[in-house]
């Protein structure tokens, strides 16, 4: 199994543990360009997650311009937008757990 697939599966497994106050969808690769990989409604909050798999922690992430534009628009509209990598996923997931408990 590819490292990218393992990471995606870990993220989806973790999201399933957040309980009943979450709705999420993993968008399809062929879906509308620029849409983040995972869209979430968590305890009334809109959250978008773009999954990236750099080979090393220090490697610069590659974004398509439309991905950057979409993430910025989500933030401007009051949503939360994260770029998750295997190196920062636990920190992002801890934020999601916190938001789930507090409602933001």
PDB file of N, CA and C in Angstrom:
ATOM      1  N   UNK A   1       0.845  -1.185   0.000  1.00  0.00           N
ATOM      2  CA  UNK A   1       0.000   0.000   0.000  1.00  0.00           C
ATOM      3  C   UNK A   1       0.888   1.245   0.000  1.00  0.00           C
ATOM      4  N   UNK A   2       0.521   2.214  -0.822  1.00  0.00           N
ATOM      5  CA  UNK A   2       1.284   3.454  -0.925  1.00  0.00           C
ATOM      6  C   UNK A   2       1.204   4.243   0.385  1.00  0.00           C
ATOM      7  N   UNK A   3       2.278   4.992   0.713  1.00  0.00           N
ATOM      8  CA  UNK A   3       2.230   5.839   1.919  1.00  0.00           C
ATOM      9  C   UNK A   3       1.074   6.835   1.895  1.00  0.00           C
ATOM     10  N   UNK A   4       0.749   7.357   0.700  1.00  0.00           N
ATOM     11  CA  UNK A   4      -0.358   8.319   0.586  1.00  0.00           C
ATOM     12  C   UNK A   4      -1.679   7.673   0.988  1.00  0.00           C
ATOM     13  N   UNK A   5      -1.871   6.434   0.564  1.00  0.00           N
ATOM     14  CA  UNK A   5      -3.104   5.710   0.887  1.00  0.00           C
ATOM     15  C   UNK A   5      -3.170   5.410   2.372  1.00  0.00           C
ATOM     16  N   UNK A   6      -2.047   4.996   2.956  1.00  0.00           N
ATOM     17  CA  UNK A   6      -2.021   4.722   4.405  1.00  0.00           C
ATOM     18  C   UNK A   6      -2.368   5.970   5.197  1.00  0.00           C
ATOM     19  N   UNK A   7      -1.815   7.114   4.787  1.00  0.00           N
ATOM     20  CA  UNK A   7      -2.095   8.360   5.492  1.00  0.00           C
ATOM     21  C   UNK A   7      -3.576   8.721   5.388  1.00  0.00           C
ATOM     22  N   UNK A   8      -4.135   8.651   4.184  1.00  0.00           N
ATOM     23  CA  UNK A   8      -5.555   8.953   3.989  1.00  0.00           C
ATOM     24  C   UNK A   8      -6.422   8.035   4.857  1.00  0.00           C
ATOM     25  N   UNK A   9      -6.088   6.760   4.899  1.00  0.00           N
ATOM     26  CA  UNK A   9      -6.869   5.816   5.702  1.00  0.00           C
ATOM     27  C   UNK A   9      -6.771   6.145   7.190  1.00  0.00           C
ATOM     28  N   UNK A  10      -5.596   6.577   7.646  1.00  0.00           N
ATOM     29  CA  UNK A  10      -5.434   6.968   9.054  1.00  0.00           C
ATOM     30  C   UNK A  10      -6.323   8.161   9.373  1.00  0.00           C
ATOM     31  N   UNK A  11      -6.321   9.158   8.495  1.00  0.00           N
ATOM     32  CA  UNK A  11      -7.135  10.361   8.711  1.00  0.00           C
ATOM     33  C   UNK A  11      -8.613   9.981   8.789  1.00  0.00           C
ATOM     34  N   UNK A  12      -9.077   9.170   7.859  1.00  0.00           N
ATOM     35  CA  UNK A  12     -10.490   8.783   7.840  1.00  0.00           C
ATOM     36  C   UNK A  12     -10.858   7.958   9.066  1.00  0.00           C
ATOM     37  N   UNK A  13      -9.954   7.069   9.499  1.00  0.00           N
ATOM     38  CA  UNK A  13     -10.198   6.290  10.726  1.00  0.00           C
ATOM     39  C   UNK A  13     -10.331   7.218  11.928  1.00  0.00           C
ATOM     40  N   UNK A  14      -9.436   8.192  12.024  1.00  0.00           N
ATOM     41  CA  UNK A  14      -9.475   9.127  13.153  1.00  0.00           C
ATOM     42  C   UNK A  14     -10.767   9.944  13.154  1.00  0.00           C
ATOM     43  N   UNK A  15     -11.197  10.401  11.983  1.00  0.00           N
ATOM     44  CA  UNK A  15     -12.435  11.188  11.908  1.00  0.00           C
ATOM     45  C   UNK A  15     -13.636  10.385  12.398  1.00  0.00           C
ATOM     46  N   UNK A  16     -13.645   9.096  12.134  1.00  0.00           N
ATOM     47  CA  UNK A  16     -14.755   8.235  12.568  1.00  0.00           C
ATOM     48  C   UNK A  16     -14.867   8.157  14.086  1.00  0.00           C
ATOM     49  N   UNK A  17     -13.799   8.492  14.805  1.00  0.00           N
ATOM     50  CA  UNK A  17     -13.821   8.408  16.269  1.00  0.00           C
ATOM     51  C   UNK A  17     -14.428   9.648  16.923  1.00  0.00           C
ATOM     52  N   UNK A  18     -14.751  10.667  16.149  1.00  0.00           N
ATOM     53  CA  UNK A  18     -15.214  11.928  16.730  1.00  0.00           C
ATOM     54  C   UNK A  18     -16.682  11.931  17.143  1.00  0.00           C
ATOM     55  N   UNK A  19     -17.396  10.862  16.879  1.00  0.00           N
ATOM     56  CA  UNK A  19     -18.748  10.740  17.408  1.00  0.00           C
ATOM     57  C   UNK A  19     -19.837  11.268  16.508  1.00  0.00           C
ATOM     58  N   UNK A  20     -20.945  11.675  17.146  1.00  0.00           N
ATOM     59  CA  UNK A  20     -22.168  12.020  16.425  1.00  0.00           C
ATOM     60  C   UNK A  20     -22.249  13.464  15.961  1.00  0.00           C
ATOM     61  N   UNK A  21     -21.395  14.343  16.465  1.00  0.00           N
ATOM     62  CA  UNK A  21     -21.484  15.761  16.095  1.00  0.00           C
ATOM     63  C   UNK A  21     -20.619  16.095  14.883  1.00  0.00           C
ATOM     64  N   UNK A  22     -20.364  15.092  14.057  1.00  0.00           N
ATOM     65  CA  UNK A  22     -19.533  15.318  12.888  1.00  0.00           C
ATOM     66  C   UNK A  22     -20.200  14.722  11.657  1.00  0.00           C
ATOM     67  N   UNK A  23     -20.088  15.450  10.571  1.00  0.00           N
ATOM     68  CA  UNK A  23     -20.432  14.948   9.244  1.00  0.00           C
ATOM     69  C   UNK A  23     -19.224  15.266   8.387  1.00  0.00           C
ATOM     70  N   UNK A  24     -18.813  14.318   7.583  1.00  0.00           N
ATOM     71  CA  UNK A  24     -17.682  14.580   6.702  1.00  0.00           C
ATOM     72  C   UNK A  24     -17.825  13.776   5.419  1.00  0.00           C
ATOM     73  N   UNK A  25     -17.125  14.250   4.403  1.00  0.00           N
ATOM     74  CA  UNK A  25     -17.102  13.557   3.125  1.00  0.00           C
ATOM     75  C   UNK A  25     -15.689  13.667   2.556  1.00  0.00           C
ATOM     76  N   UNK A  26     -15.212  12.566   2.025  1.00  0.00           N
ATOM     77  CA  UNK A  26     -13.936  12.543   1.305  1.00  0.00           C
ATOM     78  C   UNK A  26     -14.280  12.796  -0.153  1.00  0.00           C
ATOM     79  N   UNK A  27     -13.809  13.903  -0.701  1.00  0.00           N
ATOM     80  CA  UNK A  27     -14.124  14.221  -2.085  1.00  0.00           C
ATOM     81  C   UNK A  27     -13.346  13.293  -3.010  1.00  0.00           C
ATOM     82  N   UNK A  28     -13.871  13.090  -4.178  1.00  0.00           N
ATOM     83  CA  UNK A  28     -13.233  12.211  -5.160  1.00  0.00           C
ATOM     84  C   UNK A  28     -12.173  12.977  -5.939  1.00  0.00           C
ATOM     85  N   UNK A  29     -11.146  12.266  -6.357  1.00  0.00           N
ATOM     86  CA  UNK A  29     -10.046  12.896  -7.092  1.00  0.00           C
ATOM     87  C   UNK A  29     -10.543  13.571  -8.364  1.00  0.00           C
ATOM     88  N   UNK A  30     -11.544  13.017  -8.989  1.00  0.00           N
ATOM     89  CA  UNK A  30     -12.072  13.596 -10.220  1.00  0.00           C
ATOM     90  C   UNK A  30     -13.123  14.667  -9.985  1.00  0.00           C
ATOM     91  N   UNK A  31     -13.352  15.014  -8.727  1.00  0.00           N
ATOM     92  CA  UNK A  31     -14.352  16.032  -8.400  1.00  0.00           C
ATOM     93  C   UNK A  31     -13.867  17.401  -8.881  1.00  0.00           C
ATOM     94  N   UNK A  32     -14.641  18.385  -8.619  1.00  0.00           N
ATOM     95  CA  UNK A  32     -14.311  19.745  -9.041  1.00  0.00           C
ATOM     96  C   UNK A  32     -12.916  20.139  -8.566  1.00  0.00           C
ATOM     97  N   UNK A  33     -12.116  20.630  -9.474  1.00  0.00           N
ATOM     98  CA  UNK A  33     -10.731  21.009  -9.151  1.00  0.00           C
ATOM     99  C   UNK A  33     -10.699  22.079  -8.079  1.00  0.00           C
ATOM    100  N   UNK A  34      -9.726  21.960  -7.181  1.00  0.00           N
ATOM    101  CA  UNK A  34      -9.525  22.952  -6.142  1.00  0.00           C
ATOM    102  C   UNK A  34     -10.288  22.691  -4.861  1.00  0.00           C
ATOM    103  N   UNK A  35     -11.237  21.764  -4.890  1.00  0.00           N
ATOM    104  CA  UNK A  35     -12.009  21.453  -3.682  1.00  0.00           C
ATOM    105  C   UNK A  35     -11.129  20.627  -2.748  1.00  0.00           C
ATOM    106  N   UNK A  36     -11.057  20.991  -1.453  1.00  0.00           N
ATOM    107  CA  UNK A  36     -10.222  20.235  -0.522  1.00  0.00           C
ATOM    108  C   UNK A  36     -10.620  18.754  -0.456  1.00  0.00           C
ATOM    109  N   UNK A  37      -9.687  17.932  -0.006  1.00  0.00           N
ATOM    110  CA  UNK A  37      -9.879  16.481   0.011  1.00  0.00           C
ATOM    111  C   UNK A  37     -10.985  16.029   0.960  1.00  0.00           C
ATOM    112  N   UNK A  38     -11.136  16.718   2.095  1.00  0.00           N
ATOM    113  CA  UNK A  38     -12.152  16.333   3.076  1.00  0.00           C
ATOM    114  C   UNK A  38     -12.913  17.588   3.498  1.00  0.00           C
ATOM    115  N   UNK A  39     -14.240  17.502   3.444  1.00  0.00           N
ATOM    116  CA  UNK A  39     -15.104  18.579   3.914  1.00  0.00           C
ATOM    117  C   UNK A  39     -15.824  18.083   5.156  1.00  0.00           C
ATOM    118  N   UNK A  40     -15.862  18.934   6.192  1.00  0.00           N
ATOM    119  CA  UNK A  40     -16.371  18.521   7.495  1.00  0.00           C
ATOM    120  C   UNK A  40     -17.330  19.572   8.040  1.00  0.00           C
ATOM    121  N   UNK A  41     -18.394  19.102   8.676  1.00  0.00           N
ATOM    122  CA  UNK A  41     -19.189  19.949   9.552  1.00  0.00           C
ATOM    123  C   UNK A  41     -19.046  19.322  10.928  1.00  0.00           C
ATOM    124  N   UNK A  42     -18.402  20.025  11.843  1.00  0.00           N
ATOM    125  CA  UNK A  42     -18.092  19.498  13.166  1.00  0.00           C
ATOM    126  C   UNK A  42     -18.673  20.421  14.224  1.00  0.00           C
ATOM    127  N   UNK A  43     -19.712  19.940  14.891  1.00  0.00           N
ATOM    128  CA  UNK A  43     -20.311  20.720  15.972  1.00  0.00           C
ATOM    129  C   UNK A  43     -20.703  22.119  15.481  1.00  0.00           C
ATOM    130  N   UNK A  44     -21.191  22.200  14.236  1.00  0.00           N
ATOM    131  CA  UNK A  44     -21.639  23.461  13.673  1.00  0.00           C
ATOM    132  C   UNK A  44     -20.568  24.268  12.960  1.00  0.00           C
ATOM    133  N   UNK A  45     -19.352  23.772  12.913  1.00  0.00           N
ATOM    134  CA  UNK A  45     -18.249  24.482  12.263  1.00  0.00           C
ATOM    135  C   UNK A  45     -17.941  23.852  10.906  1.00  0.00           C
ATOM    136  N   UNK A  46     -17.647  24.686   9.899  1.00  0.00           N
ATOM    137  CA  UNK A  46     -17.237  24.185   8.595  1.00  0.00           C
ATOM    138  C   UNK A  46     -15.721  24.100   8.564  1.00  0.00           C
ATOM    139  N   UNK A  47     -15.215  22.925   8.205  1.00  0.00           N
ATOM    140  CA  UNK A  47     -13.775  22.681   8.193  1.00  0.00           C
ATOM    141  C   UNK A  47     -13.415  21.981   6.889  1.00  0.00           C
ATOM    142  N   UNK A  48     -12.342  22.433   6.269  1.00  0.00           N
ATOM    143  CA  UNK A  48     -11.823  21.799   5.065  1.00  0.00           C
ATOM    144  C   UNK A  48     -10.409  21.314   5.348  1.00  0.00           C
ATOM    145  N   UNK A  49     -10.106  20.128   4.854  1.00  0.00           N
ATOM    146  CA  UNK A  49      -8.766  19.580   5.030  1.00  0.00           C
ATOM    147  C   UNK A  49      -8.220  19.168   3.664  1.00  0.00           C
ATOM    148  N   UNK A  50      -7.069  19.692   3.353  1.00  0.00           N
ATOM    149  CA  UNK A  50      -6.328  19.296   2.159  1.00  0.00           C
ATOM    150  C   UNK A  50      -5.229  18.332   2.615  1.00  0.00           C
ATOM    151  N   UNK A  51      -5.203  17.142   2.053  1.00  0.00           N
ATOM    152  CA  UNK A  51      -4.195  16.142   2.417  1.00  0.00           C
ATOM    153  C   UNK A  51      -2.986  16.276   1.498  1.00  0.00           C
ATOM    154  N   UNK A  52      -1.825  16.326   2.103  1.00  0.00           N
ATOM    155  CA  UNK A  52      -0.569  16.376   1.349  1.00  0.00           C
ATOM    156  C   UNK A  52       0.376  15.323   1.934  1.00  0.00           C
ATOM    157  N   UNK A  53       1.170  14.741   1.075  1.00  0.00           N
ATOM    158  CA  UNK A  53       2.091  13.694   1.518  1.00  0.00           C
ATOM    159  C   UNK A  53       3.509  14.025   1.058  1.00  0.00           C
ATOM    160  N   UNK A  54       4.210  14.914   1.781  1.00  0.00           N
ATOM    161  CA  UNK A  54       5.606  15.170   1.418  1.00  0.00           C
ATOM    162  C   UNK A  54       6.459  13.965   1.795  1.00  0.00           C
ATOM    163  N   UNK A  55       7.533  13.780   1.091  1.00  0.00           N
ATOM    164  CA  UNK A  55       8.421  12.655   1.366  1.00  0.00           C
ATOM    165  C   UNK A  55       9.204  12.864   2.657  1.00  0.00           C
ATOM    166  N   UNK A  56       9.495  14.111   3.007  1.00  0.00           N
ATOM    167  CA  UNK A  56      10.199  14.419   4.252  1.00  0.00           C
ATOM    168  C   UNK A  56       9.485  15.576   4.923  1.00  0.00           C
ATOM    169  N   UNK A  57       9.760  15.737   6.200  1.00  0.00           N
ATOM    170  CA  UNK A  57       9.094  16.798   6.969  1.00  0.00           C
ATOM    171  C   UNK A  57       9.430  18.184   6.433  1.00  0.00           C
ATOM    172  N   UNK A  58      10.638  18.383   5.943  1.00  0.00           N
ATOM    173  CA  UNK A  58      11.071  19.711   5.511  1.00  0.00           C
ATOM    174  C   UNK A  58      10.749  20.012   4.050  1.00  0.00           C
ATOM    175  N   UNK A  59      10.262  19.054   3.324  1.00  0.00           N
ATOM    176  CA  UNK A  59       9.969  19.272   1.908  1.00  0.00           C
ATOM    177  C   UNK A  59       8.799  20.255   1.758  1.00  0.00           C
ATOM    178  N   UNK A  60       8.945  21.175   0.844  1.00  0.00           N
ATOM    179  CA  UNK A  60       7.890  22.153   0.606  1.00  0.00           C
ATOM    180  C   UNK A  60       6.676  21.462  -0.019  1.00  0.00           C
ATOM    181  N   UNK A  61       5.498  21.838   0.444  1.00  0.00           N
ATOM    182  CA  UNK A  61       4.266  21.264  -0.079  1.00  0.00           C
ATOM    183  C   UNK A  61       3.931  21.886  -1.422  1.00  0.00           C
ATOM    184  N   UNK A  62       3.391  21.082  -2.294  1.00  0.00           N
ATOM    185  CA  UNK A  62       2.994  21.576  -3.616  1.00  0.00           C
ATOM    186  C   UNK A  62       1.485  21.792  -3.637  1.00  0.00           C
ATOM    187  N   UNK A  63       1.089  23.011  -3.904  1.00  0.00           N
ATOM    188  CA  UNK A  63      -0.324  23.361  -4.056  1.00  0.00           C
ATOM    189  C   UNK A  63      -0.574  23.787  -5.487  1.00  0.00           C
ATOM    190  N   UNK A  64      -1.705  23.398  -5.998  1.00  0.00           N
ATOM    191  CA  UNK A  64      -2.189  23.985  -7.241  1.00  0.00           C
ATOM    192  C   UNK A  64      -2.738  25.369  -6.877  1.00  0.00           C
ATOM    193  N   UNK A  65      -2.617  26.347  -7.763  1.00  0.00           N
ATOM    194  CA  UNK A  65      -3.133  27.692  -7.445  1.00  0.00           C
ATOM    195  C   UNK A  65      -4.603  27.679  -7.021  1.00  0.00           C
ATOM    196  N   UNK A  66      -5.400  26.844  -7.643  1.00  0.00           N
ATOM    197  CA  UNK A  66      -6.821  26.788  -7.291  1.00  0.00           C
ATOM    198  C   UNK A  66      -7.032  26.236  -5.880  1.00  0.00           C
ATOM    199  N   UNK A  67      -6.151  25.331  -5.432  1.00  0.00           N
ATOM    200  CA  UNK A  67      -6.237  24.833  -4.058  1.00  0.00           C
ATOM    201  C   UNK A  67      -5.969  25.951  -3.063  1.00  0.00           C
ATOM    202  N   UNK A  68      -4.930  26.733  -3.311  1.00  0.00           N
ATOM    203  CA  UNK A  68      -4.613  27.853  -2.420  1.00  0.00           C
ATOM    204  C   UNK A  68      -5.753  28.860  -2.392  1.00  0.00           C
ATOM    205  N   UNK A  69      -6.300  29.168  -3.551  1.00  0.00           N
ATOM    206  CA  UNK A  69      -7.404  30.114  -3.655  1.00  0.00           C
ATOM    207  C   UNK A  69      -8.613  29.621  -2.862  1.00  0.00           C
ATOM    208  N   UNK A  70      -8.950  28.347  -3.010  1.00  0.00           N
ATOM    209  CA  UNK A  70     -10.119  27.787  -2.328  1.00  0.00           C
ATOM    210  C   UNK A  70      -9.930  27.791  -0.817  1.00  0.00           C
ATOM    211  N   UNK A  71      -8.764  27.378  -0.337  1.00  0.00           N
ATOM    212  CA  UNK A  71      -8.514  27.381   1.109  1.00  0.00           C
ATOM    213  C   UNK A  71      -8.601  28.797   1.676  1.00  0.00           C
ATOM    214  N   UNK A  72      -8.083  29.769   0.946  1.00  0.00           N
ATOM    215  CA  UNK A  72      -8.157  31.167   1.393  1.00  0.00           C
ATOM    216  C   UNK A  72      -9.604  31.658   1.426  1.00  0.00           C
ATOM    217  N   UNK A  73     -10.403  31.287   0.434  1.00  0.00           N
ATOM    218  CA  UNK A  73     -11.816  31.693   0.411  1.00  0.00           C
ATOM    219  C   UNK A  73     -12.582  31.080   1.585  1.00  0.00           C
ATOM    220  N   UNK A  74     -12.290  29.832   1.912  1.00  0.00           N
ATOM    221  CA  UNK A  74     -12.950  29.180   3.050  1.00  0.00           C
ATOM    222  C   UNK A  74     -12.633  29.937   4.333  1.00  0.00           C
ATOM    223  N   UNK A  75     -11.367  30.285   4.536  1.00  0.00           N
ATOM    224  CA  UNK A  75     -10.976  31.035   5.732  1.00  0.00           C
ATOM    225  C   UNK A  75     -11.649  32.402   5.765  1.00  0.00           C
ATOM    226  N   UNK A  76     -11.687  33.081   4.620  1.00  0.00           N
ATOM    227  CA  UNK A  76     -12.305  34.409   4.556  1.00  0.00           C
ATOM    228  C   UNK A  76     -13.793  34.336   4.883  1.00  0.00           C
ATOM    229  N   UNK A  77     -14.433  33.221   4.538  1.00  0.00           N
ATOM    230  CA  UNK A  77     -15.860  33.043   4.799  1.00  0.00           C
ATOM    231  C   UNK A  77     -16.139  32.607   6.238  1.00  0.00           C
ATOM    232  N   UNK A  78     -15.084  32.440   7.043  1.00  0.00           N
ATOM    233  CA  UNK A  78     -15.276  32.085   8.446  1.00  0.00           C
ATOM    234  C   UNK A  78     -15.098  30.608   8.753  1.00  0.00           C
ATOM    235  N   UNK A  79     -14.752  29.820   7.749  1.00  0.00           N
ATOM    236  CA  UNK A  79     -14.497  28.404   7.981  1.00  0.00           C
ATOM    237  C   UNK A  79     -13.064  28.168   8.415  1.00  0.00           C
ATOM    238  N   UNK A  80     -12.792  26.946   8.771  1.00  0.00           N
ATOM    239  CA  UNK A  80     -11.440  26.534   9.139  1.00  0.00           C
ATOM    240  C   UNK A  80     -10.873  25.749   7.964  1.00  0.00           C
ATOM    241  N   UNK A  81      -9.614  25.937   7.645  1.00  0.00           N
ATOM    242  CA  UNK A  81      -8.976  25.199   6.559  1.00  0.00           C
ATOM    243  C   UNK A  81      -7.596  24.757   7.022  1.00  0.00           C
ATOM    244  N   UNK A  82      -7.333  23.480   6.867  1.00  0.00           N
ATOM    245  CA  UNK A  82      -6.062  22.903   7.281  1.00  0.00           C
ATOM    246  C   UNK A  82      -5.418  22.155   6.120  1.00  0.00           C
ATOM    247  N   UNK A  83      -4.107  22.147   6.105  1.00  0.00           N
ATOM    248  CA  UNK A  83      -3.358  21.273   5.215  1.00  0.00           C
ATOM    249  C   UNK A  83      -2.724  20.217   6.111  1.00  0.00           C
ATOM    250  N   UNK A  84      -3.142  18.982   5.932  1.00  0.00           N
ATOM    251  CA  UNK A  84      -2.681  17.893   6.797  1.00  0.00           C
ATOM    252  C   UNK A  84      -1.611  17.077   6.090  1.00  0.00           C
ATOM    253  N   UNK A  85      -0.554  16.795   6.824  1.00  0.00           N
ATOM    254  CA  UNK A  85       0.507  15.900   6.379  1.00  0.00           C
ATOM    255  C   UNK A  85       0.702  14.860   7.476  1.00  0.00           C
ATOM    256  N   UNK A  86       1.422  13.793   7.192  1.00  0.00           N
ATOM    257  CA  UNK A  86       1.701  12.833   8.263  1.00  0.00           C
ATOM    258  C   UNK A  86       2.464  13.472   9.429  1.00  0.00           C
ATOM    259  N   UNK A  87       3.129  14.571   9.184  1.00  0.00           N
ATOM    260  CA  UNK A  87       3.942  15.219  10.206  1.00  0.00           C
ATOM    261  C   UNK A  87       3.143  16.153  11.110  1.00  0.00           C
ATOM    262  N   UNK A  88       1.980  16.628  10.664  1.00  0.00           N
ATOM    263  CA  UNK A  88       1.202  17.541  11.510  1.00  0.00           C
ATOM    264  C   UNK A  88      -0.208  17.019  11.809  1.00  0.00           C
ATOM    265  N   UNK A  89      -0.534  15.835  11.328  1.00  0.00           N
ATOM    266  CA  UNK A  89      -1.892  15.335  11.481  1.00  0.00           C
ATOM    267  C   UNK A  89      -2.312  15.217  12.944  1.00  0.00           C
ATOM    268  N   UNK A  90      -1.453  14.742  13.820  1.00  0.00           N
ATOM    269  CA  UNK A  90      -1.840  14.574  15.221  1.00  0.00           C
ATOM    270  C   UNK A  90      -2.200  15.915  15.858  1.00  0.00           C
ATOM    271  N   UNK A  91      -1.493  16.958  15.495  1.00  0.00           N
ATOM    272  CA  UNK A  91      -1.808  18.300  16.007  1.00  0.00           C
ATOM    273  C   UNK A  91      -3.161  18.784  15.469  1.00  0.00           C
ATOM    274  N   UNK A  92      -3.406  18.579  14.187  1.00  0.00           N
ATOM    275  CA  UNK A  92      -4.691  18.969  13.594  1.00  0.00           C
ATOM    276  C   UNK A  92      -5.820  18.153  14.215  1.00  0.00           C
ATOM    277  N   UNK A  93      -5.603  16.862  14.380  1.00  0.00           N
ATOM    278  CA  UNK A  93      -6.637  16.016  14.969  1.00  0.00           C
ATOM    279  C   UNK A  93      -6.930  16.442  16.411  1.00  0.00           C
ATOM    280  N   UNK A  94      -5.907  16.817  17.160  1.00  0.00           N
ATOM    281  CA  UNK A  94      -6.130  17.311  18.528  1.00  0.00           C
ATOM    282  C   UNK A  94      -6.993  18.577  18.496  1.00  0.00           C
ATOM    283  N   UNK A  95      -6.793  19.442  17.509  1.00  0.00           N
ATOM    284  CA  UNK A  95      -7.638  20.627  17.345  1.00  0.00           C
ATOM    285  C   UNK A  95      -9.072  20.226  17.055  1.00  0.00           C
ATOM    286  N   UNK A  96      -9.268  19.235  16.184  1.00  0.00           N
ATOM    287  CA  UNK A  96     -10.623  18.766  15.887  1.00  0.00           C
ATOM    288  C   UNK A  96     -11.301  18.190  17.132  1.00  0.00           C
ATOM    289  N   UNK A  97     -10.560  17.434  17.924  1.00  0.00           N
ATOM    290  CA  UNK A  97     -11.108  16.880  19.174  1.00  0.00           C
ATOM    291  C   UNK A  97     -11.537  18.019  20.088  1.00  0.00           C
ATOM    292  N   UNK A  98     -10.703  19.048  20.212  1.00  0.00           N
ATOM    293  CA  UNK A  98     -11.022  20.207  21.036  1.00  0.00           C
ATOM    294  C   UNK A  98     -12.281  20.913  20.519  1.00  0.00           C
ATOM    295  N   UNK A  99     -12.335  21.158  19.211  1.00  0.00           N
ATOM    296  CA  UNK A  99     -13.494  21.828  18.637  1.00  0.00           C
ATOM    297  C   UNK A  99     -14.762  20.993  18.808  1.00  0.00           C
ATOM    298  N   UNK A 100     -14.617  19.689  18.776  1.00  0.00           N
ATOM    299  CA  UNK A 100     -15.746  18.805  18.974  1.00  0.00           C
ATOM    300  C   UNK A 100     -16.305  18.923  20.394  1.00  0.00           C
ATOM    301  N   UNK A 101     -15.411  19.100  21.347  1.00  0.00           N
ATOM    302  CA  UNK A 101     -15.841  19.205  22.753  1.00  0.00           C
ATOM    303  C   UNK A 101     -16.406  20.581  23.081  1.00  0.00           C
ATOM    304  N   UNK A 102     -15.813  21.627  22.476  1.00  0.00           N
ATOM    305  CA  UNK A 102     -16.175  22.976  22.870  1.00  0.00           C
ATOM    306  C   UNK A 102     -17.146  23.670  21.911  1.00  0.00           C
ATOM    307  N   UNK A 103     -17.236  23.157  20.705  1.00  0.00           N
ATOM    308  CA  UNK A 103     -18.095  23.807  19.712  1.00  0.00           C
ATOM    309  C   UNK A 103     -17.425  25.020  19.085  1.00  0.00           C
ATOM    310  N   UNK A 104     -16.120  25.162  19.295  1.00  0.00           N
ATOM    311  CA  UNK A 104     -15.381  26.238  18.625  1.00  0.00           C
ATOM    312  C   UNK A 104     -15.290  27.435  19.475  1.00  0.00           C
TER     313      UNK A 104
END
